[in-house]
Amino acid sequence: MYPAYLAVAVVTIAINGAMAMADFARADFVLANSAEVSFPRSWIPLAGVLKAAGALGVLAGLLGFRPIGIAATLGLVLYFAAALIVHVRARVFHNIAFPATYFVFAVASLVFVVAR
């Protein structure tokens, strides 16, 4: 189980870390997607902080700090569940695969850290 957990956790850390950096940099695709789903621009830095904290928490869980890992992955699951709801409510389906993929990795990371 550990190799699978390691692989899923590393991908979860990488995608959330990359998206946090994109949020902090206010990348064009972040601004466009935020506008499309009516996510306030002023909240983008907070979204970056949440994703970065989630990535660091997943790393902490991987390094043996299980309660932090559980809290972080649960936070990412809730964050991306909300992102999916926002996309559906805004009827923006052309790029819903991105938050769905992040959600799946967060759920998988949560399952692994809880089972460990």
PDB file of N, CA and C in Angstrom:
ATOM      1  N   MET A   1       0.823  -1.193   0.000  1.00  0.00           N
ATOM      2  CA  MET A   1       0.000   0.000   0.000  1.00  0.00           C
ATOM      3  C   MET A   1       0.865   1.255   0.000  1.00  0.00           C
ATOM      4  N   TYR A   2       2.014   1.232   0.653  1.00  0.00           N
ATOM      5  CA  TYR A   2       2.822   2.444   0.760  1.00  0.00           C
ATOM      6  C   TYR A   2       3.255   3.009  -0.593  1.00  0.00           C
ATOM      7  N   PRO A   3       3.671   2.191  -1.570  1.00  0.00           N
ATOM      8  CA  PRO A   3       4.039   2.791  -2.866  1.00  0.00           C
ATOM      9  C   PRO A   3       2.864   3.524  -3.531  1.00  0.00           C
ATOM     10  N   ALA A   4       1.672   2.975  -3.396  1.00  0.00           N
ATOM     11  CA  ALA A   4       0.507   3.648  -3.975  1.00  0.00           C
ATOM     12  C   ALA A   4       0.218   4.944  -3.227  1.00  0.00           C
ATOM     13  N   TYR A   5       0.289   4.887  -1.905  1.00  0.00           N
ATOM     14  CA  TYR A   5       0.088   6.093  -1.095  1.00  0.00           C
ATOM     15  C   TYR A   5       1.113   7.153  -1.451  1.00  0.00           C
ATOM     16  N   LEU A   6       2.363   6.737  -1.576  1.00  0.00           N
ATOM     17  CA  LEU A   6       3.431   7.669  -1.927  1.00  0.00           C
ATOM     18  C   LEU A   6       3.153   8.324  -3.275  1.00  0.00           C
ATOM     19  N   ALA A   7       2.781   7.536  -4.269  1.00  0.00           N
ATOM     20  CA  ALA A   7       2.514   8.068  -5.614  1.00  0.00           C
ATOM     21  C   ALA A   7       1.348   9.054  -5.596  1.00  0.00           C
ATOM     22  N   VAL A   8       0.264   8.671  -4.944  1.00  0.00           N
ATOM     23  CA  VAL A   8      -0.919   9.544  -4.895  1.00  0.00           C
ATOM     24  C   VAL A   8      -0.604  10.815  -4.125  1.00  0.00           C
ATOM     25  N   ALA A   9       0.099  10.684  -3.009  1.00  0.00           N
ATOM     26  CA  ALA A   9       0.439  11.862  -2.201  1.00  0.00           C
ATOM     27  C   ALA A   9       1.351  12.818  -2.963  1.00  0.00           C
ATOM     28  N   VAL A  10       2.336  12.283  -3.660  1.00  0.00           N
ATOM     29  CA  VAL A  10       3.255  13.144  -4.422  1.00  0.00           C
ATOM     30  C   VAL A  10       2.501  13.895  -5.517  1.00  0.00           C
ATOM     31  N   VAL A  11       1.609  13.217  -6.215  1.00  0.00           N
ATOM     32  CA  VAL A  11       0.829  13.902  -7.252  1.00  0.00           C
ATOM     33  C   VAL A  11      -0.076  14.958  -6.618  1.00  0.00           C
ATOM     34  N   THR A  12      -0.702  14.622  -5.503  1.00  0.00           N
ATOM     35  CA  THR A  12      -1.578  15.581  -4.811  1.00  0.00           C
ATOM     36  C   THR A  12      -0.789  16.819  -4.383  1.00  0.00           C
ATOM     37  N   ILE A  13       0.385  16.597  -3.838  1.00  0.00           N
ATOM     38  CA  ILE A  13       1.239  17.719  -3.426  1.00  0.00           C
ATOM     39  C   ILE A  13       1.627  18.563  -4.642  1.00  0.00           C
ATOM     40  N   ALA A  14       2.030  17.907  -5.712  1.00  0.00           N
ATOM     41  CA  ALA A  14       2.492  18.624  -6.905  1.00  0.00           C
ATOM     42  C   ALA A  14       1.381  19.455  -7.545  1.00  0.00           C
ATOM     43  N   ILE A  15       0.203  18.865  -7.732  1.00  0.00           N
ATOM     44  CA  ILE A  15      -0.854  19.612  -8.427  1.00  0.00           C
ATOM     45  C   ILE A  15      -1.378  20.758  -7.574  1.00  0.00           C
ATOM     46  N   ASN A  16      -1.470  20.549  -6.270  1.00  0.00           N
ATOM     47  CA  ASN A  16      -1.951  21.632  -5.414  1.00  0.00           C
ATOM     48  C   ASN A  16      -0.900  22.715  -5.237  1.00  0.00           C
ATOM     49  N   GLY A  17       0.356  22.314  -5.153  1.00  0.00           N
ATOM     50  CA  GLY A  17       1.433  23.305  -5.082  1.00  0.00           C
ATOM     51  C   GLY A  17       1.503  24.143  -6.345  1.00  0.00           C
ATOM     52  N   ALA A  18       1.377  23.484  -7.493  1.00  0.00           N
ATOM     53  CA  ALA A  18       1.407  24.206  -8.774  1.00  0.00           C
ATOM     54  C   ALA A  18       0.220  25.159  -8.901  1.00  0.00           C
ATOM     55  N   MET A  19      -0.955  24.703  -8.487  1.00  0.00           N
ATOM     56  CA  MET A  19      -2.130  25.569  -8.579  1.00  0.00           C
ATOM     57  C   MET A  19      -2.043  26.727  -7.579  1.00  0.00           C
ATOM     58  N   ALA A  20      -1.451  26.490  -6.425  1.00  0.00           N
ATOM     59  CA  ALA A  20      -1.263  27.586  -5.466  1.00  0.00           C
ATOM     60  C   ALA A  20      -0.358  28.652  -6.066  1.00  0.00           C
ATOM     61  N   MET A  21       0.727  28.219  -6.711  1.00  0.00           N
ATOM     62  CA  MET A  21       1.629  29.183  -7.343  1.00  0.00           C
ATOM     63  C   MET A  21       0.916  29.949  -8.455  1.00  0.00           C
ATOM     64  N   ALA A  22       0.075  29.255  -9.220  1.00  0.00           N
ATOM     65  CA  ALA A  22      -0.688  29.928 -10.281  1.00  0.00           C
ATOM     66  C   ALA A  22      -1.646  30.950  -9.681  1.00  0.00           C
ATOM     67  N   ASP A  23      -2.255  30.600  -8.558  1.00  0.00           N
ATOM     68  CA  ASP A  23      -3.146  31.552  -7.881  1.00  0.00           C
ATOM     69  C   ASP A  23      -2.364  32.773  -7.395  1.00  0.00           C
ATOM     70  N   PHE A  24      -1.219  32.544  -6.763  1.00  0.00           N
ATOM     71  CA  PHE A  24      -0.413  33.660  -6.256  1.00  0.00           C
ATOM     72  C   PHE A  24       0.085  34.555  -7.387  1.00  0.00           C
ATOM     73  N   ALA A  25       0.385  33.945  -8.534  1.00  0.00           N
ATOM     74  CA  ALA A  25       0.870  34.701  -9.690  1.00  0.00           C
ATOM     75  C   ALA A  25      -0.273  35.328 -10.486  1.00  0.00           C
ATOM     76  N   ARG A  26      -1.497  35.004 -10.092  1.00  0.00           N
ATOM     77  CA  ARG A  26      -2.684  35.477 -10.831  1.00  0.00           C
ATOM     78  C   ARG A  26      -2.554  35.166 -12.320  1.00  0.00           C
ATOM     79  N   ALA A  27      -2.271  33.904 -12.588  1.00  0.00           N
ATOM     80  CA  ALA A  27      -2.111  33.442 -13.974  1.00  0.00           C
ATOM     81  C   ALA A  27      -3.380  33.734 -14.766  1.00  0.00           C
ATOM     82  N   ASP A  28      -3.204  33.978 -16.059  1.00  0.00           N
ATOM     83  CA  ASP A  28      -4.340  34.325 -16.915  1.00  0.00           C
ATOM     84  C   ASP A  28      -5.451  33.287 -16.850  1.00  0.00           C
ATOM     85  N   PHE A  29      -5.085  31.994 -16.868  1.00  0.00           N
ATOM     86  CA  PHE A  29      -6.127  30.963 -16.849  1.00  0.00           C
ATOM     87  C   PHE A  29      -6.872  30.948 -15.504  1.00  0.00           C
ATOM     88  N   VAL A  30      -6.202  31.311 -14.430  1.00  0.00           N
ATOM     89  CA  VAL A  30      -6.861  31.394 -13.125  1.00  0.00           C
ATOM     90  C   VAL A  30      -7.869  32.536 -13.127  1.00  0.00           C
ATOM     91  N   LEU A  31      -7.463  33.684 -13.633  1.00  0.00           N
ATOM     92  CA  LEU A  31      -8.363  34.841 -13.686  1.00  0.00           C
ATOM     93  C   LEU A  31      -9.547  34.578 -14.602  1.00  0.00           C
ATOM     94  N   ALA A  32      -9.297  33.941 -15.741  1.00  0.00           N
ATOM     95  CA  ALA A  32     -10.380  33.642 -16.688  1.00  0.00           C
ATOM     96  C   ALA A  32     -11.382  32.666 -16.080  1.00  0.00           C
ATOM     97  N   ASN A  33     -10.874  31.606 -15.469  1.00  0.00           N
ATOM     98  CA  ASN A  33     -11.770  30.615 -14.875  1.00  0.00           C
ATOM     99  C   ASN A  33     -12.546  31.214 -13.705  1.00  0.00           C
ATOM    100  N   SER A  34     -11.886  32.013 -12.900  1.00  0.00           N
ATOM    101  CA  SER A  34     -12.555  32.645 -11.763  1.00  0.00           C
ATOM    102  C   SER A  34     -13.693  33.542 -12.224  1.00  0.00           C
ATOM    103  N   ALA A  35     -13.440  34.308 -13.261  1.00  0.00           N
ATOM    104  CA  ALA A  35     -14.489  35.181 -13.803  1.00  0.00           C
ATOM    105  C   ALA A  35     -15.647  34.364 -14.362  1.00  0.00           C
ATOM    106  N   GLU A  36     -15.315  33.263 -15.014  1.00  0.00           N
ATOM    107  CA  GLU A  36     -16.341  32.435 -15.638  1.00  0.00           C
ATOM    108  C   GLU A  36     -17.298  31.816 -14.620  1.00  0.00           C
ATOM    109  N   VAL A  37     -16.780  31.467 -13.453  1.00  0.00           N
ATOM    110  CA  VAL A  37     -17.625  30.842 -12.426  1.00  0.00           C
ATOM    111  C   VAL A  37     -18.056  31.840 -11.347  1.00  0.00           C
ATOM    112  N   SER A  38     -17.772  33.114 -11.562  1.00  0.00           N
ATOM    113  CA  SER A  38     -18.132  34.201 -10.635  1.00  0.00           C
ATOM    114  C   SER A  38     -17.461  34.066  -9.275  1.00  0.00           C
ATOM    115  N   PHE A  39     -16.208  33.625  -9.287  1.00  0.00           N
ATOM    116  CA  PHE A  39     -15.403  33.551  -8.065  1.00  0.00           C
ATOM    117  C   PHE A  39     -14.690  34.892  -7.926  1.00  0.00           C
ATOM    118  N   PRO A  40     -14.888  35.594  -6.827  1.00  0.00           N
ATOM    119  CA  PRO A  40     -14.312  36.938  -6.686  1.00  0.00           C
ATOM    120  C   PRO A  40     -12.785  36.938  -6.799  1.00  0.00           C
ATOM    121  N   ARG A  41     -12.264  37.873  -7.577  1.00  0.00           N
ATOM    122  CA  ARG A  41     -10.802  37.999  -7.733  1.00  0.00           C
ATOM    123  C   ARG A  41     -10.104  38.209  -6.402  1.00  0.00           C
ATOM    124  N   SER A  42     -10.769  38.892  -5.510  1.00  0.00           N
ATOM    125  CA  SER A  42     -10.160  39.181  -4.210  1.00  0.00           C
ATOM    126  C   SER A  42      -9.950  37.915  -3.374  1.00  0.00           C
ATOM    127  N   TRP A  43     -10.618  36.832  -3.721  1.00  0.00           N
ATOM    128  CA  TRP A  43     -10.492  35.569  -2.979  1.00  0.00           C
ATOM    129  C   TRP A  43      -9.409  34.665  -3.552  1.00  0.00           C
ATOM    130  N   ILE A  44      -8.853  35.018  -4.700  1.00  0.00           N
ATOM    131  CA  ILE A  44      -7.854  34.149  -5.342  1.00  0.00           C
ATOM    132  C   ILE A  44      -6.633  33.923  -4.447  1.00  0.00           C
ATOM    133  N   PRO A  45      -6.087  34.946  -3.789  1.00  0.00           N
ATOM    134  CA  PRO A  45      -4.953  34.665  -2.890  1.00  0.00           C
ATOM    135  C   PRO A  45      -5.318  33.690  -1.762  1.00  0.00           C
ATOM    136  N   LEU A  46      -6.528  33.800  -1.231  1.00  0.00           N
ATOM    137  CA  LEU A  46      -6.974  32.870  -0.194  1.00  0.00           C
ATOM    138  C   LEU A  46      -7.038  31.449  -0.749  1.00  0.00           C
ATOM    139  N   ALA A  47      -7.525  31.317  -1.968  1.00  0.00           N
ATOM    140  CA  ALA A  47      -7.562  29.993  -2.603  1.00  0.00           C
ATOM    141  C   ALA A  47      -6.150  29.425  -2.719  1.00  0.00           C
ATOM    142  N   GLY A  48      -5.199  30.268  -3.069  1.00  0.00           N
ATOM    143  CA  GLY A  48      -3.803  29.829  -3.149  1.00  0.00           C
ATOM    144  C   GLY A  48      -3.270  29.389  -1.797  1.00  0.00           C
ATOM    145  N   VAL A  49      -3.607  30.130  -0.764  1.00  0.00           N
ATOM    146  CA  VAL A  49      -3.170  29.769   0.592  1.00  0.00           C
ATOM    147  C   VAL A  49      -3.754  28.419   0.990  1.00  0.00           C
ATOM    148  N   LEU A  50      -5.028  28.205   0.696  1.00  0.00           N
ATOM    149  CA  LEU A  50      -5.669  26.934   1.054  1.00  0.00           C
ATOM    150  C   LEU A  50      -5.035  25.757   0.318  1.00  0.00           C
ATOM    151  N   LYS A  51      -4.755  25.939  -0.970  1.00  0.00           N
ATOM    152  CA  LYS A  51      -4.122  24.863  -1.746  1.00  0.00           C
ATOM    153  C   LYS A  51      -2.695  24.608  -1.268  1.00  0.00           C
ATOM    154  N   ALA A  52      -1.958  25.661  -0.983  1.00  0.00           N
ATOM    155  CA  ALA A  52      -0.585  25.501  -0.484  1.00  0.00           C
ATOM    156  C   ALA A  52      -0.584  24.818   0.883  1.00  0.00           C
ATOM    157  N   ALA A  53      -1.487  25.226   1.752  1.00  0.00           N
ATOM    158  CA  ALA A  53      -1.591  24.596   3.069  1.00  0.00           C
ATOM    159  C   ALA A  53      -1.971  23.128   2.929  1.00  0.00           C
ATOM    160  N   GLY A  54      -2.860  22.845   1.994  1.00  0.00           N
ATOM    161  CA  GLY A  54      -3.237  21.460   1.753  1.00  0.00           C
ATOM    162  C   GLY A  54      -2.057  20.629   1.280  1.00  0.00           C
ATOM    163  N   ALA A  55      -1.291  21.176   0.348  1.00  0.00           N
ATOM    164  CA  ALA A  55      -0.116  20.462  -0.168  1.00  0.00           C
ATOM    165  C   ALA A  55       0.894  20.216   0.946  1.00  0.00           C
ATOM    166  N   LEU A  56       1.148  21.225   1.768  1.00  0.00           N
ATOM    167  CA  LEU A  56       2.085  21.059   2.883  1.00  0.00           C
ATOM    168  C   LEU A  56       1.565  20.063   3.909  1.00  0.00           C
ATOM    169  N   GLY A  57       0.265  20.076   4.125  1.00  0.00           N
ATOM    170  CA  GLY A  57      -0.337  19.130   5.062  1.00  0.00           C
ATOM    171  C   GLY A  57      -0.271  17.698   4.566  1.00  0.00           C
ATOM    172  N   VAL A  58      -0.472  17.505   3.262  1.00  0.00           N
ATOM    173  CA  VAL A  58      -0.336  16.164   2.683  1.00  0.00           C
ATOM    174  C   VAL A  58       1.104  15.691   2.852  1.00  0.00           C
ATOM    175  N   LEU A  59       2.057  16.595   2.626  1.00  0.00           N
ATOM    176  CA  LEU A  59       3.463  16.258   2.837  1.00  0.00           C
ATOM    177  C   LEU A  59       3.712  15.883   4.300  1.00  0.00           C
ATOM    178  N   ALA A  60       3.156  16.640   5.214  1.00  0.00           N
ATOM    179  CA  ALA A  60       3.317  16.336   6.640  1.00  0.00           C
ATOM    180  C   ALA A  60       2.751  14.946   6.960  1.00  0.00           C
ATOM    181  N   GLY A  61       1.602  14.631   6.392  1.00  0.00           N
ATOM    182  CA  GLY A  61       1.013  13.308   6.598  1.00  0.00           C
ATOM    183  C   GLY A  61       1.893  12.205   6.048  1.00  0.00           C
ATOM    184  N   LEU A  62       2.488  12.473   4.915  1.00  0.00           N
ATOM    185  CA  LEU A  62       3.391  11.504   4.288  1.00  0.00           C
ATOM    186  C   LEU A  62       4.632  11.278   5.147  1.00  0.00           C
ATOM    187  N   LEU A  63       5.053  12.330   5.834  1.00  0.00           N
ATOM    188  CA  LEU A  63       6.252  12.249   6.679  1.00  0.00           C
ATOM    189  C   LEU A  63       5.968  11.707   8.083  1.00  0.00           C
ATOM    190  N   GLY A  64       4.719  11.316   8.331  1.00  0.00           N
ATOM    191  CA  GLY A  64       4.398  10.686   9.604  1.00  0.00           C
ATOM    192  C   GLY A  64       3.520  11.484  10.539  1.00  0.00           C
ATOM    193  N   PHE A  65       3.202  12.702  10.195  1.00  0.00           N
ATOM    194  CA  PHE A  65       2.317  13.517  11.024  1.00  0.00           C
ATOM    195  C   PHE A  65       0.879  13.279  10.570  1.00  0.00           C
ATOM    196  N   ARG A  66       0.367  12.089  10.917  1.00  0.00           N
ATOM    197  CA  ARG A  66      -0.915  11.603  10.412  1.00  0.00           C
ATOM    198  C   ARG A  66      -2.088  12.555  10.674  1.00  0.00           C
ATOM    199  N   PRO A  67      -2.275  13.098  11.897  1.00  0.00           N
ATOM    200  CA  PRO A  67      -3.418  14.000  12.115  1.00  0.00           C
ATOM    201  C   PRO A  67      -3.392  15.226  11.197  1.00  0.00           C
ATOM    202  N   ILE A  68      -2.216  15.758  10.958  1.00  0.00           N
ATOM    203  CA  ILE A  68      -2.103  16.906  10.048  1.00  0.00           C
ATOM    204  C   ILE A  68      -2.447  16.466   8.625  1.00  0.00           C
ATOM    205  N   GLY A  69      -1.971  15.306   8.233  1.00  0.00           N
ATOM    206  CA  GLY A  69      -2.281  14.778   6.906  1.00  0.00           C
ATOM    207  C   GLY A  69      -3.774  14.565   6.715  1.00  0.00           C
ATOM    208  N   ILE A  70      -4.418  14.031   7.730  1.00  0.00           N
ATOM    209  CA  ILE A  70      -5.875  13.813   7.647  1.00  0.00           C
ATOM    210  C   ILE A  70      -6.602  15.140   7.526  1.00  0.00           C
ATOM    211  N   ALA A  71      -6.241  16.100   8.369  1.00  0.00           N
ATOM    212  CA  ALA A  71      -6.895  17.414   8.328  1.00  0.00           C
ATOM    213  C   ALA A  71      -6.678  18.094   6.982  1.00  0.00           C
ATOM    214  N   ALA A  72      -5.462  18.022   6.468  1.00  0.00           N
ATOM    215  CA  ALA A  72      -5.147  18.684   5.197  1.00  0.00           C
ATOM    216  C   ALA A  72      -5.886  18.041   4.034  1.00  0.00           C
ATOM    217  N   THR A  73      -5.887  16.721   3.987  1.00  0.00           N
ATOM    218  CA  THR A  73      -6.570  16.066   2.857  1.00  0.00           C
ATOM    219  C   THR A  73      -8.072  16.260   2.952  1.00  0.00           C
ATOM    220  N   LEU A  74      -8.613  16.254   4.157  1.00  0.00           N
ATOM    221  CA  LEU A  74     -10.040  16.528   4.312  1.00  0.00           C
ATOM    222  C   LEU A  74     -10.355  17.951   3.842  1.00  0.00           C
ATOM    223  N   GLY A  75      -9.478  18.886   4.177  1.00  0.00           N
ATOM    224  CA  GLY A  75      -9.662  20.262   3.704  1.00  0.00           C
ATOM    225  C   GLY A  75      -9.638  20.354   2.188  1.00  0.00           C
ATOM    226  N   LEU A  76      -8.719  19.627   1.549  1.00  0.00           N
ATOM    227  CA  LEU A  76      -8.669  19.633   0.084  1.00  0.00           C
ATOM    228  C   LEU A  76      -9.912  18.984  -0.520  1.00  0.00           C
ATOM    229  N   VAL A  77     -10.389  17.904   0.090  1.00  0.00           N
ATOM    230  CA  VAL A  77     -11.619  17.260  -0.395  1.00  0.00           C
ATOM    231  C   VAL A  77     -12.770  18.257  -0.348  1.00  0.00           C
ATOM    232  N   LEU A  78     -12.921  18.950   0.760  1.00  0.00           N
ATOM    233  CA  LEU A  78     -14.008  19.927   0.897  1.00  0.00           C
ATOM    234  C   LEU A  78     -13.833  21.096  -0.073  1.00  0.00           C
ATOM    235  N   TYR A  79     -12.603  21.564  -0.221  1.00  0.00           N
ATOM    236  CA  TYR A  79     -12.327  22.679  -1.132  1.00  0.00           C
ATOM    237  C   TYR A  79     -12.732  22.312  -2.560  1.00  0.00           C
ATOM    238  N   PHE A  80     -12.292  21.139  -3.029  1.00  0.00           N
ATOM    239  CA  PHE A  80     -12.587  20.774  -4.415  1.00  0.00           C
ATOM    240  C   PHE A  80     -14.025  20.310  -4.614  1.00  0.00           C
ATOM    241  N   ALA A  81     -14.667  19.823  -3.566  1.00  0.00           N
ATOM    242  CA  ALA A  81     -16.104  19.555  -3.652  1.00  0.00           C
ATOM    243  C   ALA A  81     -16.842  20.876  -3.880  1.00  0.00           C
ATOM    244  N   ALA A  82     -16.434  21.900  -3.148  1.00  0.00           N
ATOM    245  CA  ALA A  82     -17.033  23.227  -3.332  1.00  0.00           C
ATOM    246  C   ALA A  82     -16.750  23.756  -4.734  1.00  0.00           C
ATOM    247  N   ALA A  83     -15.526  23.548  -5.227  1.00  0.00           N
ATOM    248  CA  ALA A  83     -15.189  24.000  -6.582  1.00  0.00           C
ATOM    249  C   ALA A  83     -16.072  23.309  -7.629  1.00  0.00           C
ATOM    250  N   LEU A  84     -16.322  22.037  -7.432  1.00  0.00           N
ATOM    251  CA  LEU A  84     -17.204  21.315  -8.363  1.00  0.00           C
ATOM    252  C   LEU A  84     -18.622  21.871  -8.307  1.00  0.00           C
ATOM    253  N   ILE A  85     -19.100  22.149  -7.119  1.00  0.00           N
ATOM    254  CA  ILE A  85     -20.441  22.727  -6.973  1.00  0.00           C
ATOM    255  C   ILE A  85     -20.511  24.085  -7.656  1.00  0.00           C
ATOM    256  N   VAL A  86     -19.488  24.900  -7.480  1.00  0.00           N
ATOM    257  CA  VAL A  86     -19.449  26.225  -8.116  1.00  0.00           C
ATOM    258  C   VAL A  86     -19.478  26.084  -9.635  1.00  0.00           C
ATOM    259  N   HIS A  87     -18.709  25.144 -10.171  1.00  0.00           N
ATOM    260  CA  HIS A  87     -18.707  24.925 -11.622  1.00  0.00           C
ATOM    261  C   HIS A  87     -20.084  24.484 -12.124  1.00  0.00           C
ATOM    262  N   VAL A  88     -20.722  23.579 -11.406  1.00  0.00           N
ATOM    263  CA  VAL A  88     -22.038  23.083 -11.826  1.00  0.00           C
ATOM    264  C   VAL A  88     -23.076  24.204 -11.731  1.00  0.00           C
ATOM    265  N   ARG A  89     -23.061  24.947 -10.647  1.00  0.00           N
ATOM    266  CA  ARG A  89     -24.037  26.044 -10.496  1.00  0.00           C
ATOM    267  C   ARG A  89     -23.864  27.100 -11.580  1.00  0.00           C
ATOM    268  N   ALA A  90     -22.616  27.340 -11.993  1.00  0.00           N
ATOM    269  CA  ALA A  90     -22.344  28.335 -13.030  1.00  0.00           C
ATOM    270  C   ALA A  90     -22.514  27.738 -14.430  1.00  0.00           C
ATOM    271  N   ARG A  91     -22.771  26.439 -14.493  1.00  0.00           N
ATOM    272  CA  ARG A  91     -22.913  25.713 -15.759  1.00  0.00           C
ATOM    273  C   ARG A  91     -21.648  25.830 -16.621  1.00  0.00           C
ATOM    274  N   VAL A  92     -20.511  25.731 -15.969  1.00  0.00           N
ATOM    275  CA  VAL A  92     -19.215  25.768 -16.650  1.00  0.00           C
ATOM    276  C   VAL A  92     -18.663  24.345 -16.615  1.00  0.00           C
ATOM    277  N   PHE A  93     -18.881  23.636 -17.712  1.00  0.00           N
ATOM    278  CA  PHE A  93     -18.524  22.224 -17.756  1.00  0.00           C
ATOM    279  C   PHE A  93     -17.301  21.936 -18.624  1.00  0.00           C
ATOM    280  N   HIS A  94     -16.887  22.897 -19.439  1.00  0.00           N
ATOM    281  CA  HIS A  94     -15.792  22.631 -20.378  1.00  0.00           C
ATOM    282  C   HIS A  94     -14.455  22.373 -19.680  1.00  0.00           C
ATOM    283  N   ASN A  95     -14.314  22.837 -18.446  1.00  0.00           N
ATOM    284  CA  ASN A  95     -13.053  22.610 -17.736  1.00  0.00           C
ATOM    285  C   ASN A  95     -13.273  21.991 -16.353  1.00  0.00           C
ATOM    286  N   ILE A  96     -14.409  21.360 -16.162  1.00  0.00           N
ATOM    287  CA  ILE A  96     -14.720  20.760 -14.864  1.00  0.00           C
ATOM    288  C   ILE A  96     -13.826  19.564 -14.555  1.00  0.00           C
ATOM    289  N   ALA A  97     -13.159  19.035 -15.573  1.00  0.00           N
ATOM    290  CA  ALA A  97     -12.255  17.900 -15.354  1.00  0.00           C
ATOM    291  C   ALA A  97     -11.099  18.270 -14.432  1.00  0.00           C
ATOM    292  N   PHE A  98     -10.698  19.533 -14.431  1.00  0.00           N
ATOM    293  CA  PHE A  98      -9.585  19.936 -13.572  1.00  0.00           C
ATOM    294  C   PHE A  98      -9.948  19.846 -12.090  1.00  0.00           C
ATOM    295  N   PRO A  99     -10.999  20.540 -11.631  1.00  0.00           N
ATOM    296  CA  PRO A  99     -11.323  20.374 -10.211  1.00  0.00           C
ATOM    297  C   PRO A  99     -11.744  18.941  -9.872  1.00  0.00           C
ATOM    298  N   ALA A 100     -12.328  18.234 -10.829  1.00  0.00           N
ATOM    299  CA  ALA A 100     -12.705  16.833 -10.579  1.00  0.00           C
ATOM    300  C   ALA A 100     -11.458  15.974 -10.352  1.00  0.00           C
ATOM    301  N   THR A 101     -10.429  16.202 -11.137  1.00  0.00           N
ATOM    302  CA  THR A 101      -9.180  15.445 -10.973  1.00  0.00           C
ATOM    303  C   THR A 101      -8.533  15.755  -9.634  1.00  0.00           C
ATOM    304  N   TYR A 102      -8.486  17.035  -9.265  1.00  0.00           N
ATOM    305  CA  TYR A 102      -7.915  17.428  -7.979  1.00  0.00           C
ATOM    306  C   TYR A 102      -8.721  16.814  -6.833  1.00  0.00           C
ATOM    307  N   PHE A 103     -10.042  16.774  -6.996  1.00  0.00           N
ATOM    308  CA  PHE A 103     -10.920  16.174  -5.995  1.00  0.00           C
ATOM    309  C   PHE A 103     -10.612  14.685  -5.832  1.00  0.00           C
ATOM    310  N   VAL A 104     -10.471  13.976  -6.947  1.00  0.00           N
ATOM    311  CA  VAL A 104     -10.186  12.540  -6.899  1.00  0.00           C
ATOM    312  C   VAL A 104      -8.857  12.279  -6.186  1.00  0.00           C
ATOM    313  N   PHE A 105      -7.837  13.058  -6.501  1.00  0.00           N
ATOM    314  CA  PHE A 105      -6.545  12.873  -5.827  1.00  0.00           C
ATOM    315  C   PHE A 105      -6.631  13.208  -4.341  1.00  0.00           C
ATOM    316  N   ALA A 106      -7.401  14.219  -3.985  1.00  0.00           N
ATOM    317  CA  ALA A 106      -7.569  14.556  -2.573  1.00  0.00           C
ATOM    318  C   ALA A 106      -8.287  13.429  -1.835  1.00  0.00           C
ATOM    319  N   VAL A 107      -9.336  12.878  -2.450  1.00  0.00           N
ATOM    320  CA  VAL A 107     -10.062  11.765  -1.832  1.00  0.00           C
ATOM    321  C   VAL A 107      -9.137  10.560  -1.679  1.00  0.00           C
ATOM    322  N   ALA A 108      -8.390  10.242  -2.727  1.00  0.00           N
ATOM    323  CA  ALA A 108      -7.471   9.100  -2.655  1.00  0.00           C
ATOM    324  C   ALA A 108      -6.419   9.312  -1.571  1.00  0.00           C
ATOM    325  N   SER A 109      -5.892  10.530  -1.472  1.00  0.00           N
ATOM    326  CA  SER A 109      -4.909  10.826  -0.425  1.00  0.00           C
ATOM    327  C   SER A 109      -5.528  10.669   0.952  1.00  0.00           C
ATOM    328  N   LEU A 110      -6.760  11.106   1.100  1.00  0.00           N
ATOM    329  CA  LEU A 110      -7.455  10.967   2.380  1.00  0.00           C
ATOM    330  C   LEU A 110      -7.643   9.500   2.739  1.00  0.00           C
ATOM    331  N   VAL A 111      -8.072   8.710   1.780  1.00  0.00           N
ATOM    332  CA  VAL A 111      -8.260   7.275   2.028  1.00  0.00           C
ATOM    333  C   VAL A 111      -6.954   6.643   2.482  1.00  0.00           C
ATOM    334  N   PHE A 112      -5.874   6.946   1.785  1.00  0.00           N
ATOM    335  CA  PHE A 112      -4.568   6.356   2.133  1.00  0.00           C
ATOM    336  C   PHE A 112      -4.072   6.803   3.498  1.00  0.00           C
ATOM    337  N   VAL A 113      -4.185   8.091   3.813  1.00  0.00           N
ATOM    338  CA  VAL A 113      -3.655   8.567   5.096  1.00  0.00           C
ATOM    339  C   VAL A 113      -4.500   8.046   6.262  1.00  0.00           C
ATOM    340  N   VAL A 114      -5.790   7.883   6.052  1.00  0.00           N
ATOM    341  CA  VAL A 114      -6.639   7.328   7.115  1.00  0.00           C
ATOM    342  C   VAL A 114      -6.344   5.845   7.303  1.00  0.00           C
ATOM    343  N   ALA A 115      -6.124   5.134   6.211  1.00  0.00           N
ATOM    344  CA  ALA A 115      -5.883   3.684   6.271  1.00  0.00           C
ATOM    345  C   ALA A 115      -4.495   3.337   6.812  1.00  0.00           C
ATOM    346  N   ARG A 116      -3.602   4.277   6.761  1.00  0.00           N
ATOM    347  CA  ARG A 116      -2.203   4.018   7.149  1.00  0.00           C
ATOM    348  C   ARG A 116      -2.054   3.806   8.630  1.00  0.00           C
TER     349      ARG A 116
END
